[in-house]
């Protein structure tokens, strides 16, 4: 279940950043048509990683301005880059290989280049998207070769891009990345845009603080003051939509096993894979026992035949029973969009209110 108003609020908060010229929504976070239309109506642009995402957007928003879209495939076949350029999309390269193997594809083209700032950030190793152990981006030590290949291909770099990871709570991280990118951008005389990526963290647990957007804006003001000729972009995904969504499911069974107590629910890792994939924390509430004391330490599991099918471990919940309604929070991002029919289980239903 998604709350449209919370998405609108998050979008407007980001659009109020004085030192950011454009906000792009990472479509991979949630491609629900109603949510995409809501974001477009708020003047949010889009970042897509595949032709399928672009085509899905075009169907959802027939009057979509493709100039508000950034196309950022990685390790994609030659045909995807040709497709994007033929369509007039702003295309990002994050590897030397396309320039080495297919230089003719990029002749005369304006490109964004994704650089690897050297250090990944985030709440789990699988969401850190910088450093030599991450597949993304051209490392800084390859910039000389990148420039040679760009010149040989007859291409033109107009934007520098990076994304260090997800769930980052320190606003100063973006200032640090911006400092690296603006220094690198000076090697490319036609660069107009510095895209700092996404990854803005959200409160995950009770008591967590909101991400400090004012502090982020202040940090980026230093970069804008030093480099006023560059426009700064952000491309958040979770920040815009995660808090808008909750997963509702029912208790199917309860089980005691030694000193362990399990609560089984109808939705498992087929509906929400983030806990299994990233070790992600999602707050879990028994709505049917709202107001009752949380006395039981339980592990909440789904119906999938995998030991990793755990939605939450060692959680304090009221005594729960079959058919109780369970709410799992912050599932508006990387929830339904990553769901599957594994074990031939039905996917969940999406509702926007």
Foldseek 3Di string as FASTA:
>chain_A
DFELVLLLVLLVLVVPLPQADAEAAECLFDVPLVNLVSNVVSVHAYEYAFPVSVVSSCVSPVVDDLASYEYEHAPDDPVGLLVCVVVVHAYEDFDCVCLVPPLQSAAAEEHEYEAALAAADDDFPVFFQHHPVHRGHHYPVCLVVVVVSCVVSNHAYAEYEYDGGAQDQDLLVLLVQLVSRVVSCVVHVNHAEYESEERHHADADPPDDGRDSVVNSVSSVVVCVVPVSHRYYYHYHLSSFQQRDKDKWWFAAWDDDPPAIETETADWCLQPVCCLPGVGGWDKAQPQQPPPFQDDQHWYAYDAPDPSRTRGHRDGYPDDDGGTMMMTGRQRTRGQSVHDCHVPNDYDDDDYD
